[in-house]
C-alpha atoms as a PDB file:
ATOM      1  CA  MET A   1     144.120 -62.765  27.504  1.00  0.00           C
ATOM      2  CA  LEU A   2     141.076 -61.460  27.985  1.00  0.00           C
ATOM      3  CA  SER A   3     140.591 -58.441  25.743  1.00  0.00           C
ATOM      4  CA  ILE A   4     137.037 -55.785  26.402  1.00  0.00           C
ATOM      5  CA  ILE A   5     135.768 -53.383  24.164  1.00  0.00           C
ATOM      6  CA  ILE A   6     134.069 -50.635  25.543  1.00  0.00           C
ATOM      7  CA  PRO A   7     132.786 -47.917  22.673  1.00  0.00           C
ATOM      8  CA  ALA A   8     131.745 -44.520  24.732  1.00  0.00           C
ATOM      9  CA  TYR A   9     129.729 -41.575  23.263  1.00  0.00           C
ATOM     10  CA  ASN A  10     128.396 -38.795  26.030  1.00  0.00           C
ATOM     11  CA  VAL A  11     129.071 -41.222  29.152  1.00  0.00           C
ATOM     12  CA  GLU A  12     130.343 -39.073  31.366  1.00  0.00           C
ATOM     13  CA  ASN A  13     127.498 -40.172  34.293  1.00  0.00           C
ATOM     14  CA  CYS A  14     128.048 -43.735  33.515  1.00  0.00           C
ATOM     15  CA  ILE A  15     131.171 -44.595  32.240  1.00  0.00           C
ATOM     16  CA  SER A  16     132.840 -45.071  35.066  1.00  0.00           C
ATOM     17  CA  ARG A  17     130.561 -47.547  37.028  1.00  0.00           C
ATOM     18  CA  CYS A  18     131.377 -49.875  34.024  1.00  0.00           C
ATOM     19  CA  LEU A  19     134.813 -49.316  34.536  1.00  0.00           C
ATOM     20  CA  ASP A  20     134.756 -50.068  37.971  1.00  0.00           C
ATOM     21  CA  SER A  21     132.878 -52.608  37.863  1.00  0.00           C
ATOM     22  CA  ILE A  22     135.209 -54.170  35.313  1.00  0.00           C
ATOM     23  CA  LEU A  23     137.942 -53.379  37.802  1.00  0.00           C
ATOM     24  CA  ASN A  24     136.037 -54.924  40.095  1.00  0.00           C
ATOM     25  CA  GLN A  25     137.183 -58.214  39.703  1.00  0.00           C
ATOM     26  CA  ASP A  26     139.196 -61.489  40.908  1.00  0.00           C
ATOM     27  CA  TYR A  27     141.378 -61.883  37.365  1.00  0.00           C
ATOM     28  CA  HIS A  28     142.729 -64.947  36.724  1.00  0.00           C
ATOM     29  CA  ILE A  29     143.908 -64.534  33.461  1.00  0.00           C
ATOM     30  CA  SER A  30     145.638 -61.270  31.473  1.00  0.00           C
ATOM     31  CA  PHE A  31     143.003 -58.704  30.486  1.00  0.00           C
ATOM     32  CA  GLU A  32     143.149 -55.314  28.739  1.00  0.00           C
ATOM     33  CA  ILE A  33     140.076 -52.415  28.691  1.00  0.00           C
ATOM     34  CA  ILE A  34     139.689 -50.836  25.419  1.00  0.00           C
ATOM     35  CA  VAL A  35     137.600 -47.960  25.622  1.00  0.00           C
ATOM     36  CA  VAL A  36     136.892 -46.001  21.843  1.00  0.00           C
ATOM     37  CA  ASN A  37     135.758 -42.766  22.324  1.00  0.00           C
ATOM     38  CA  ASP A  38     133.843 -42.108  19.496  1.00  0.00           C
ATOM     39  CA  GLY A  39     133.432 -38.459  19.224  1.00  0.00           C
ATOM     40  CA  SER A  40     132.425 -37.204  22.417  1.00  0.00           C
ATOM     41  CA  THR A  41     131.591 -33.903  23.947  1.00  0.00           C
ATOM     42  CA  ASP A  42     131.399 -33.781  27.189  1.00  0.00           C
ATOM     43  CA  ARG A  43     133.533 -34.707  29.798  1.00  0.00           C
ATOM     44  CA  THR A  44     134.101 -38.773  29.078  1.00  0.00           C
ATOM     45  CA  GLN A  45     137.434 -38.406  27.312  1.00  0.00           C
ATOM     46  CA  GLU A  46     138.523 -36.343  30.522  1.00  0.00           C
ATOM     47  CA  ILE A  47     137.885 -39.567  32.572  1.00  0.00           C
ATOM     48  CA  LEU A  48     139.123 -42.074  30.208  1.00  0.00           C
ATOM     49  CA  GLU A  49     142.301 -40.303  30.699  1.00  0.00           C
ATOM     50  CA  SER A  50     142.147 -40.869  34.432  1.00  0.00           C
ATOM     51  CA  TYR A  51     141.887 -44.123  34.144  1.00  0.00           C
ATOM     52  CA  GLU A  52     144.496 -44.886  31.876  1.00  0.00           C
ATOM     53  CA  LYS A  53     147.017 -43.089  33.900  1.00  0.00           C
ATOM     54  CA  ASN A  54     146.286 -44.699  36.879  1.00  0.00           C
ATOM     55  CA  TYR A  55     146.030 -48.124  35.471  1.00  0.00           C
ATOM     56  CA  PRO A  56     148.528 -47.471  32.316  1.00  0.00           C
ATOM     57  CA  ASN A  57     148.891 -51.130  32.050  1.00  0.00           C
ATOM     58  CA  LEU A  58     145.175 -51.982  32.101  1.00  0.00           C
ATOM     59  CA  PHE A  59     143.637 -49.085  29.363  1.00  0.00           C
ATOM     60  CA  ARG A  60     143.997 -48.614  25.771  1.00  0.00           C
ATOM     61  CA  ILE A  61     142.257 -45.348  25.010  1.00  0.00           C
ATOM     62  CA  ILE A  62     140.921 -44.708  21.285  1.00  0.00           C
ATOM     63  CA  SER A  63     139.655 -41.286  20.197  1.00  0.00           C
ATOM     64  CA  LYS A  64     137.594 -40.817  17.152  1.00  0.00           C
ATOM     65  CA  ALA A  65     135.331 -39.071  15.535  1.00  0.00           C
ATOM     66  CA  ASN A  66     131.859 -40.117  16.090  1.00  0.00           C
ATOM     67  CA  GLY A  67     130.458 -42.517  13.650  1.00  0.00           C
ATOM     68  CA  GLY A  68     128.369 -45.240  15.389  1.00  0.00           C
ATOM     69  CA  VAL A  69     128.294 -48.536  17.970  1.00  0.00           C
ATOM     70  CA  PRO A  70     129.209 -50.579  14.916  1.00  0.00           C
ATOM     71  CA  SER A  71     132.533 -48.359  13.882  1.00  0.00           C
ATOM     72  CA  ALA A  72     133.433 -47.787  17.610  1.00  0.00           C
ATOM     73  CA  ARG A  73     133.405 -51.751  18.045  1.00  0.00           C
ATOM     74  CA  ASN A  74     135.608 -52.437  14.944  1.00  0.00           C
ATOM     75  CA  ALA A  75     138.178 -49.724  15.729  1.00  0.00           C
ATOM     76  CA  GLY A  76     138.351 -51.932  18.991  1.00  0.00           C
ATOM     77  CA  MET A  77     138.322 -55.038  17.325  1.00  0.00           C
ATOM     78  CA  ASP A  78     141.311 -53.534  15.055  1.00  0.00           C
ATOM     79  CA  ILE A  79     143.541 -53.426  17.646  1.00  0.00           C
ATOM     80  CA  ALA A  80     142.685 -56.412  20.300  1.00  0.00           C
ATOM     81  CA  GLN A  81     145.463 -58.289  21.425  1.00  0.00           C
ATOM     82  CA  GLY A  82     143.205 -60.835  23.667  1.00  0.00           C
ATOM     83  CA  GLU A  83     142.553 -64.566  23.074  1.00  0.00           C
ATOM     84  CA  TRP A  84     139.687 -63.774  23.822  1.00  0.00           C
ATOM     85  CA  ILE A  85     137.071 -60.864  23.054  1.00  0.00           C
ATOM     86  CA  TRP A  86     134.163 -59.403  25.098  1.00  0.00           C
ATOM     87  CA  LEU A  87     132.455 -56.196  23.842  1.00  0.00           C
ATOM     88  CA  CYS A  88     130.534 -54.199  26.562  1.00  0.00           C
ATOM     89  CA  ASP A  89     127.975 -51.060  26.722  1.00  0.00           C
ATOM     90  CA  ALA A  90     129.024 -48.336  28.760  1.00  0.00           C
ATOM     91  CA  ASP A  91     126.043 -47.536  30.326  1.00  0.00           C
ATOM     92  CA  ASP A  92     126.126 -51.175  31.889  1.00  0.00           C
ATOM     93  CA  SER A  93     128.346 -52.654  34.421  1.00  0.00           C
ATOM     94  CA  VAL A  94     128.754 -56.591  35.788  1.00  0.00           C
ATOM     95  CA  VAL A  95     128.594 -57.962  39.311  1.00  0.00           C
ATOM     96  CA  ALA A  96     131.993 -57.921  41.539  1.00  0.00           C
ATOM     97  CA  ASN A  97     133.754 -60.645  40.666  1.00  0.00           C
ATOM     98  CA  GLY A  98     130.970 -62.294  38.333  1.00  0.00           C
ATOM     99  CA  LEU A  99     133.188 -61.682  34.934  1.00  0.00           C
ATOM    100  CA  SER A 100     136.357 -63.547  36.866  1.00  0.00           C
ATOM    101  CA  TYR A 101     133.353 -65.947  38.004  1.00  0.00           C
ATOM    102  CA  VAL A 102     132.372 -67.161  34.523  1.00  0.00           C
ATOM    103  CA  ILE A 103     136.219 -66.954  33.191  1.00  0.00           C
ATOM    104  CA  ASP A 104     137.456 -69.014  35.485  1.00  0.00           C
ATOM    105  CA  ASN A 105     134.455 -71.867  35.103  1.00  0.00           C
ATOM    106  CA  PHE A 106     133.227 -71.766  31.265  1.00  0.00           C
ATOM    107  CA  LEU A 107     136.015 -70.506  29.487  1.00  0.00           C
ATOM    108  CA  ASP A 108     137.299 -73.244  27.403  1.00  0.00           C
ATOM    109  CA  GLU A 109     139.737 -73.612  24.561  1.00  0.00           C
ATOM    110  CA  LYS A 110     137.183 -76.325  23.253  1.00  0.00           C
ATOM    111  CA  PHE A 111     134.807 -73.945  22.742  1.00  0.00           C
ATOM    112  CA  ASP A 112     134.922 -70.494  20.823  1.00  0.00           C
ATOM    113  CA  ILE A 113     132.084 -68.884  22.612  1.00  0.00           C
ATOM    114  CA  VAL A 114     130.759 -68.580  25.796  1.00  0.00           C
ATOM    115  CA  THR A 115     127.819 -66.984  26.685  1.00  0.00           C
ATOM    116  CA  PHE A 116     126.009 -65.772  30.616  1.00  0.00           C
ATOM    117  CA  PHE A 117     122.662 -64.226  31.793  1.00  0.00           C
ATOM    118  CA  SER A 118     121.660 -60.705  32.407  1.00  0.00           C
ATOM    119  CA  ILE A 119     119.289 -58.154  34.228  1.00  0.00           C
ATOM    120  CA  THR A 120     117.642 -55.159  32.909  1.00  0.00           C
ATOM    121  CA  LEU A 121     117.860 -52.354  35.237  1.00  0.00           C
ATOM    122  CA  ASP A 122     116.091 -49.212  35.050  1.00  0.00           C
ATOM    123  CA  ALA A 123     117.218 -45.945  36.582  1.00  0.00           C
ATOM    124  CA  ILE A 124     114.390 -46.320  39.769  1.00  0.00           C
ATOM    125  CA  ALA A 125     115.542 -50.602  39.586  1.00  0.00           C
ATOM    126  CA  LEU A 126     119.030 -49.460  39.518  1.00  0.00           C
ATOM    127  CA  LYS A 127     119.226 -47.502  43.085  1.00  0.00           C
ATOM    128  CA  THR A 128     117.023 -50.554  44.769  1.00  0.00           C
ATOM    129  CA  PHE A 129     117.986 -53.582  43.326  1.00  0.00           C
ATOM    130  CA  LYS A 130     120.443 -55.774  45.960  1.00  0.00           C
ATOM    131  CA  GLU A 131     123.131 -58.632  43.649  1.00  0.00           C
ATOM    132  CA  PRO A 132     122.496 -61.473  45.861  1.00  0.00           C
ATOM    133  CA  GLU A 133     125.213 -62.548  48.122  1.00  0.00           C
ATOM    134  CA  GLU A 134     126.724 -65.224  45.650  1.00  0.00           C
ATOM    135  CA  ILE A 135     127.708 -66.186  42.560  1.00  0.00           C
ATOM    136  CA  LYS A 136     126.549 -69.508  40.926  1.00  0.00           C
ATOM    137  CA  GLY A 137     125.625 -70.833  37.676  1.00  0.00           C
ATOM    138  CA  LYS A 138     125.636 -73.953  35.552  1.00  0.00           C
ATOM    139  CA  ILE A 139     125.940 -75.421  31.962  1.00  0.00           C
ATOM    140  CA  ILE A 140     122.670 -75.078  30.649  1.00  0.00           C
ATOM    141  CA  PHE A 141     124.296 -75.934  26.706  1.00  0.00           C
ATOM    142  CA  GLU A 142     127.153 -77.366  24.968  1.00  0.00           C
ATOM    143  CA  GLY A 143     127.317 -77.700  21.388  1.00  0.00           C
ATOM    144  CA  THR A 144     127.078 -75.702  18.140  1.00  0.00           C
ATOM    145  CA  THR A 145     126.204 -72.551  17.695  1.00  0.00           C
ATOM    146  CA  ILE A 146     123.593 -73.182  14.980  1.00  0.00           C
ATOM    147  CA  GLY A 147     121.758 -75.478  17.400  1.00  0.00           C
ATOM    148  CA  LYS A 148     122.023 -72.983  20.017  1.00  0.00           C
ATOM    149  CA  TYR A 149     120.444 -70.437  17.175  1.00  0.00           C
ATOM    150  CA  GLN A 150     117.268 -73.128  16.979  1.00  0.00           C
ATOM    151  CA  GLN A 151     116.827 -73.080  20.314  1.00  0.00           C
ATOM    152  CA  ASP A 152     117.097 -70.075  21.565  1.00  0.00           C
ATOM    153  CA  PRO A 153     118.305 -66.928  19.176  1.00  0.00           C
ATOM    154  CA  PRO A 154     120.798 -64.216  20.238  1.00  0.00           C
ATOM    155  CA  ASN A 155     119.412 -60.098  20.212  1.00  0.00           C
ATOM    156  CA  PHE A 156     123.082 -58.954  21.821  1.00  0.00           C
ATOM    157  CA  VAL A 157     126.428 -59.364  21.949  1.00  0.00           C
ATOM    158  CA  TRP A 158     127.516 -58.483  25.602  1.00  0.00           C
ATOM    159  CA  ASN A 159     126.618 -61.616  26.948  1.00  0.00           C
ATOM    160  CA  HIS A 160     128.951 -63.352  24.413  1.00  0.00           C
ATOM    161  CA  ILE A 161     132.775 -63.926  25.413  1.00  0.00           C
ATOM    162  CA  TYR A 162     133.891 -64.452  21.875  1.00  0.00           C
ATOM    163  CA  LYS A 163     137.336 -66.520  20.673  1.00  0.00           C
ATOM    164  CA  ARG A 164     139.006 -64.005  18.717  1.00  0.00           C
ATOM    165  CA  SER A 165     140.089 -66.548  15.834  1.00  0.00           C
ATOM    166  CA  ALA A 166     136.173 -67.734  15.465  1.00  0.00           C
ATOM    167  CA  ILE A 167     135.718 -64.179  15.050  1.00  0.00           C
ATOM    168  CA  GLY A 168     138.479 -63.836  12.253  1.00  0.00           C
ATOM    169  CA  THR A 169     138.128 -60.649  10.408  1.00  0.00           C
ATOM    170  CA  LEU A 170     134.397 -60.575  10.624  1.00  0.00           C
ATOM    171  CA  ARG A 171     133.243 -57.068  11.967  1.00  0.00           C
ATOM    172  CA  PHE A 172     130.140 -55.300  12.538  1.00  0.00           C
ATOM    173  CA  GLN A 173     128.218 -54.025  10.070  1.00  0.00           C
ATOM    174  CA  ASP A 174     127.323 -50.098   9.125  1.00  0.00           C
ATOM    175  CA  VAL A 175     123.770 -50.018  10.460  1.00  0.00           C
ATOM    176  CA  THR A 176     121.791 -47.513  13.140  1.00  0.00           C
ATOM    177  CA  MET A 177     119.684 -50.181  14.352  1.00  0.00           C
ATOM    178  CA  CYS A 178     120.105 -54.447  15.247  1.00  0.00           C
ATOM    179  CA  GLU A 179     123.336 -54.470  14.642  1.00  0.00           C
ATOM    180  CA  ASP A 180     124.023 -57.153  16.727  1.00  0.00           C
ATOM    181  CA  SER A 181     121.425 -59.614  15.868  1.00  0.00           C
ATOM    182  CA  VAL A 182     123.160 -58.858  12.435  1.00  0.00           C
ATOM    183  CA  PHE A 183     126.809 -59.636  13.967  1.00  0.00           C
ATOM    184  CA  ASN A 184     125.642 -62.884  15.885  1.00  0.00           C
ATOM    185  CA  LEU A 185     123.731 -64.182  13.003  1.00  0.00           C
ATOM    186  CA  GLU A 186     127.150 -64.252  10.530  1.00  0.00           C
ATOM    187  CA  VAL A 187     128.992 -65.617  13.679  1.00  0.00           C
ATOM    188  CA  TYR A 188     126.655 -68.828  14.522  1.00  0.00           C
ATOM    189  CA  MET A 189     126.192 -69.078  11.509  1.00  0.00           C
ATOM    190  CA  LYS A 190     129.808 -70.175  11.198  1.00  0.00           C
ATOM    191  CA  ASN A 191     128.905 -73.391  12.911  1.00  0.00           C
ATOM    192  CA  LEU A 192     131.054 -73.080  15.776  1.00  0.00           C
ATOM    193  CA  ARG A 193     131.358 -74.429  18.999  1.00  0.00           C
ATOM    194  CA  LEU A 194     129.374 -72.848  22.267  1.00  0.00           C
ATOM    195  CA  ARG A 195     128.654 -73.259  26.063  1.00  0.00           C
ATOM    196  CA  SER A 196     126.274 -71.726  27.751  1.00  0.00           C
ATOM    197  CA  THR A 197     126.298 -70.892  31.722  1.00  0.00           C
ATOM    198  CA  ASP A 198     123.175 -69.709  33.255  1.00  0.00           C
ATOM    199  CA  THR A 199     125.082 -67.444  35.946  1.00  0.00           C
ATOM    200  CA  ASN A 200     124.115 -63.667  35.838  1.00  0.00           C
ATOM    201  CA  ILE A 201     126.614 -61.611  35.975  1.00  0.00           C
ATOM    202  CA  TYR A 202     125.376 -58.138  33.766  1.00  0.00           C
ATOM    203  CA  ARG A 203     123.439 -55.498  34.475  1.00  0.00           C
ATOM    204  CA  TYR A 204     121.751 -53.900  31.299  1.00  0.00           C
ATOM    205  CA  THR A 205     120.619 -50.611  31.833  1.00  0.00           C
ATOM    206  CA  VAL A 206     118.468 -48.434  30.443  1.00  0.00           C
ATOM    207  CA  SER A 207     118.719 -44.826  31.159  1.00  0.00           C
ATOM    208  CA  GLU A 208     115.648 -42.534  32.376  1.00  0.00           C
ATOM    209  CA  GLY A 209     113.815 -41.264  29.739  1.00  0.00           C
ATOM    210  CA  GLN A 210     115.679 -43.428  26.882  1.00  0.00           C
ATOM    211  CA  VAL A 211     112.300 -46.002  25.932  1.00  0.00           C
ATOM    212  CA  SER A 212     110.243 -42.405  25.494  1.00  0.00           C
ATOM    213  CA  LYS A 213     113.212 -40.321  23.885  1.00  0.00           C
ATOM    214  CA  LYS A 214     112.306 -38.064  20.679  1.00  0.00           C
ATOM    215  CA  ARG A 215     112.310 -40.457  17.176  1.00  0.00           C
ATOM    216  CA  ASP A 216     113.461 -37.951  14.883  1.00  0.00           C
ATOM    217  CA  ILE A 217     111.960 -39.258  11.390  1.00  0.00           C
ATOM    218  CA  LEU A 218     114.957 -39.587   9.763  1.00  0.00           C
ATOM    219  CA  THR A 219     116.382 -41.973  12.436  1.00  0.00           C
ATOM    220  CA  MET A 220     113.511 -44.004  11.639  1.00  0.00           C
ATOM    221  CA  ARG A 221     113.830 -44.398   8.368  1.00  0.00           C
ATOM    222  CA  LYS A 222     117.385 -45.477   8.652  1.00  0.00           C
ATOM    223  CA  SER A 223     116.753 -47.857  10.895  1.00  0.00           C
ATOM    224  CA  ILE A 224     113.731 -49.545   8.583  1.00  0.00           C
ATOM    225  CA  LYS A 225     116.525 -49.760   6.161  1.00  0.00           C
ATOM    226  CA  SER A 226     118.927 -51.989   9.486  1.00  0.00           C
ATOM    227  CA  TYR A 227     116.147 -54.329   9.947  1.00  0.00           C
ATOM    228  CA  LYS A 228     115.320 -55.314   6.345  1.00  0.00           C
ATOM    229  CA  HIS A 229     119.106 -55.630   5.888  1.00  0.00           C
ATOM    230  CA  PHE A 230     118.581 -58.053   8.789  1.00  0.00           C
ATOM    231  CA  PHE A 231     115.829 -59.919   7.271  1.00  0.00           C
ATOM    232  CA  GLU A 232     117.180 -60.765   3.970  1.00  0.00           C
ATOM    233  CA  LEU A 233     120.331 -61.445   5.231  1.00  0.00           C
ATOM    234  CA  THR A 234     118.628 -64.286   7.669  1.00  0.00           C
ATOM    235  CA  LYS A 235     116.302 -65.196   4.857  1.00  0.00           C
ATOM    236  CA  ALA A 236     119.803 -66.132   2.803  1.00  0.00           C
ATOM    237  CA  TYR A 237     120.995 -68.143   5.558  1.00  0.00           C
ATOM    238  CA  GLY A 238     117.855 -69.754   5.595  1.00  0.00           C
ATOM    239  CA  ALA A 239     117.586 -70.552   1.579  1.00  0.00           C
ATOM    240  CA  LYS A 240     121.482 -72.420   1.684  1.00  0.00           C
ATOM    241  CA  SER A 241     120.863 -74.065   4.551  1.00  0.00           C
ATOM    242  CA  THR A 242     120.359 -77.967   4.583  1.00  0.00           C
ATOM    243  CA  SER A 243     119.600 -78.301   7.803  1.00  0.00           C
ATOM    244  CA  PRO A 244     115.296 -79.450   8.066  1.00  0.00           C
ATOM    245  CA  ILE A 245     114.799 -77.150  10.889  1.00  0.00           C
ATOM    246  CA  LEU A 246     117.100 -73.855  10.847  1.00  0.00           C
ATOM    247  CA  PRO A 247     114.702 -71.965   8.253  1.00  0.00           C
ATOM    248  CA  ALA A 248     111.733 -72.392  10.560  1.00  0.00           C
ATOM    249  CA  CYS A 249     114.292 -71.090  13.260  1.00  0.00           C
ATOM    250  CA  LEU A 250     115.166 -68.164  11.257  1.00  0.00           C
ATOM    251  CA  ASP A 251     111.604 -67.526  10.397  1.00  0.00           C
ATOM    252  CA  LYS A 252     110.807 -67.022  13.833  1.00  0.00           C
ATOM    253  CA  MET A 253     114.003 -64.610  14.372  1.00  0.00           C
ATOM    254  CA  ILE A 254     112.289 -62.140  11.664  1.00  0.00           C
ATOM    255  CA  ALA A 255     109.234 -62.425  13.667  1.00  0.00           C
ATOM    256  CA  ILE A 256     110.432 -61.260  16.896  1.00  0.00           C
ATOM    257  CA  GLN A 257     112.608 -58.490  15.455  1.00  0.00           C
ATOM    258  CA  PHE A 258     109.240 -57.823  13.571  1.00  0.00           C
ATOM    259  CA  THR A 259     108.272 -55.589  16.975  1.00  0.00           C
ATOM    260  CA  PRO A 260     110.970 -53.257  16.992  1.00  0.00           C
ATOM    261  CA  PHE A 261     110.873 -52.809  13.206  1.00  0.00           C
ATOM    262  CA  ILE A 262     106.735 -52.153  13.407  1.00  0.00           C
ATOM    263  CA  SER A 263     107.231 -49.785  15.965  1.00  0.00           C
ATOM    264  CA  ARG A 264     110.194 -47.711  13.535  1.00  0.00           C
ATOM    265  CA  VAL A 265     107.388 -48.413  10.767  1.00  0.00           C
ATOM    266  CA  LEU A 266     104.718 -46.862  13.133  1.00  0.00           C
ATOM    267  CA  SER A 267     106.850 -43.674  13.935  1.00  0.00           C
ATOM    268  CA  ALA A 268     108.464 -43.147  10.960  1.00  0.00           C
ATOM    269  CA  LYS A 269     105.257 -41.118   9.291  1.00  0.00           C
ATOM    270  CA  LEU A 270     105.390 -42.583   5.775  1.00  0.00           C
ATOM    271  CA  SER A 271     102.828 -42.232   3.210  1.00  0.00           C
ATOM    272  CA  THR A 272     100.339 -44.754   2.112  1.00  0.00           C
ATOM    273  CA  GLN A 273     102.138 -45.288  -0.690  1.00  0.00           C
ATOM    274  CA  GLU A 274     105.971 -45.596   1.097  1.00  0.00           C
ATOM    275  CA  CYS A 275     104.303 -48.035   3.311  1.00  0.00           C
ATOM    276  CA  LYS A 276     102.276 -50.488   0.421  1.00  0.00           C
ATOM    277  CA  ALA A 277     105.658 -50.298  -1.065  1.00  0.00           C
ATOM    278  CA  LEU A 278     107.656 -51.122   1.464  1.00  0.00           C
ATOM    279  CA  PHE A 279     105.165 -54.483   2.340  1.00  0.00           C
ATOM    280  CA  ASP A 280     105.336 -55.106  -1.164  1.00  0.00           C
ATOM    281  CA  GLU A 281     108.941 -55.036  -1.189  1.00  0.00           C
ATOM    282  CA  LEU A 282     109.073 -57.393   1.513  1.00  0.00           C
ATOM    283  CA  LYS A 283     106.301 -59.685   0.046  1.00  0.00           C
ATOM    284  CA  GLU A 284     108.552 -60.501  -3.274  1.00  0.00           C
ATOM    285  CA  LYS A 285     111.332 -61.358  -0.983  1.00  0.00           C
ATOM    286  CA  HIS A 286     109.549 -63.796   1.094  1.00  0.00           C
ATOM    287  CA  ILE A 287     110.224 -61.988   4.160  1.00  0.00           C
ATOM    288  CA  PHE A 288     106.091 -61.010   4.587  1.00  0.00           C
ATOM    289  CA  PRO A 289     103.774 -62.094   5.924  1.00  0.00           C
ATOM    290  CA  ILE A 290     105.725 -63.441   8.798  1.00  0.00           C
ATOM    291  CA  ILE A 291     105.000 -66.020  10.540  1.00  0.00           C
ATOM    292  CA  GLU A 292     102.543 -65.525  13.602  1.00  0.00           C
ATOM    293  CA  ILE A 293     104.022 -66.822  16.371  1.00  0.00           C
ATOM    294  CA  GLY A 294     101.922 -65.058  19.421  1.00  0.00           C
ATOM    295  CA  ARG A 295      98.912 -62.009  18.989  1.00  0.00           C
ATOM    296  CA  PHE A 296     101.293 -59.193  17.837  1.00  0.00           C
ATOM    297  CA  GLN A 297     102.489 -60.909  14.765  1.00  0.00           C
ATOM    298  CA  LYS A 298      98.799 -61.469  13.852  1.00  0.00           C
ATOM    299  CA  VAL A 299      98.791 -57.277  14.352  1.00  0.00           C
ATOM    300  CA  TYR A 300     101.508 -56.550  12.346  1.00  0.00           C
ATOM    301  CA  ASN A 301     100.494 -58.860   9.430  1.00  0.00           C
ATOM    302  CA  PHE A 302      97.236 -56.946   9.497  1.00  0.00           C
ATOM    303  CA  ILE A 303      99.098 -53.931   9.209  1.00  0.00           C
ATOM    304  CA  GLY A 304     101.318 -54.605   6.601  1.00  0.00           C
ATOM    305  CA  GLU A 305      98.331 -56.392   4.749  1.00  0.00           C
ATOM    306  CA  HIS A 306      95.711 -52.860   4.986  1.00  0.00           C
ATOM    307  CA  PRO A 307      98.496 -50.070   4.138  1.00  0.00           C
ATOM    308  CA  TYR A 308      95.722 -48.172   3.738  1.00  0.00           C
ATOM    309  CA  LEU A 309      95.012 -47.716   7.443  1.00  0.00           C
ATOM    310  CA  TYR A 310      98.537 -47.301   8.202  1.00  0.00           C
ATOM    311  CA  PRO A 311      97.953 -43.341   9.180  1.00  0.00           C
ATOM    312  CA  ILE A 312      95.362 -44.053  11.436  1.00  0.00           C
ATOM    313  CA  PHE A 313      97.564 -46.961  12.679  1.00  0.00           C
ATOM    314  CA  SER A 314     100.548 -44.440  12.695  1.00  0.00           C
ATOM    315  CA  PHE A 315      98.857 -41.453  14.674  1.00  0.00           C
ATOM    316  CA  ALA A 316      97.940 -43.642  17.470  1.00  0.00           C
ATOM    317  CA  TYR A 317     100.824 -45.093  18.166  1.00  0.00           C
ATOM    318  CA  ARG A 318     102.596 -41.862  18.013  1.00  0.00           C
ATOM    319  CA  LYS A 319     100.216 -40.000  19.811  1.00  0.00           C
ATOM    320  CA  ALA A 320      99.054 -42.694  22.572  1.00  0.00           C
ATOM    321  CA  PHE A 321     101.310 -45.903  22.940  1.00  0.00           C
ATOM    322  CA  ILE A 322     104.565 -44.141  22.618  1.00  0.00           C
ATOM    323  CA  PRO A 323     103.846 -41.747  25.747  1.00  0.00           C
ATOM    324  CA  PHE A 324     101.652 -43.339  27.626  1.00  0.00           C
ATOM    325  CA  ILE A 325     101.544 -47.077  27.084  1.00  0.00           C
ATOM    326  CA  LEU A 326     105.011 -48.018  26.176  1.00  0.00           C
ATOM    327  CA  PRO A 327     106.586 -46.350  29.704  1.00  0.00           C
ATOM    328  CA  LYS A 328     104.155 -48.922  31.327  1.00  0.00           C
ATOM    329  CA  ILE A 329     104.888 -51.925  29.408  1.00  0.00           C
ATOM    330  CA  SER A 330     109.262 -51.264  29.881  1.00  0.00           C
ATOM    331  CA  ARG A 331     109.213 -50.685  33.949  1.00  0.00           C
ATOM    332  CA  ASN A 332     106.986 -53.854  34.521  1.00  0.00           C
END
């Protein structure tokens, strides 16, 4: 049995697309759809109730006070009955018969996790994108999760189908950012059995205005704490690893995640003293400076090494990069 878990918060405009795509599959496995209404104030609950009424044997709707994506996912995982668990986002969708194709061709009791590919679509691409007529794919990796992490560290959970027994009591941590990376780090470090396919079935949707939406200072500062937690956790796994390769791979993951981290730092309007204290703390924990896997990491190291220039970097980022450059990059 497959348990499909979907957190939902104020998604009246897209939840039907998501649910219809999940229903539009040729399943040869029993499944349940658990949707957790995380304190929505729009018509989300009304829409969910209509699906529950029309498909009473498939849908389980949970309503709870707003607590964020991690708590919503955890609520769904706590009641999931399936042997397998798939975590989907309410504003995304899956290709018709794509999920069932992956299940039929790649899900296997010998593996704890099966992963697949995705495409990112913005509001414009969503209207014009045409799906390929044929669903196909092959196995591109079979091995351990640590082996896979060393090749390609995972940032998301929605392109994974997890065996529930492999997850066990592990749940999402109460962080405001990078909750997927934290969860996958803890899952992958269990050294489980993983199979990957290049079958491209998931459609990650970037909502209109999502990239350039207002970044309030409080949210940015909370996000900084979340990324620090992820960096510390990543370093801790590297420190206790006996692998000659894994610590360097974990350092690379930190370097990759420094891009969204620096974005939050530059948006948070820190004082020069706060900026210096932040990077001094990262130095003490051997997180900073990061390895320079590209020119961007060189820039991030420069920013951290020169906190007295932070007001200039922050002003330029907030007033020029976010409103004028970032939207163009995201559309390309």
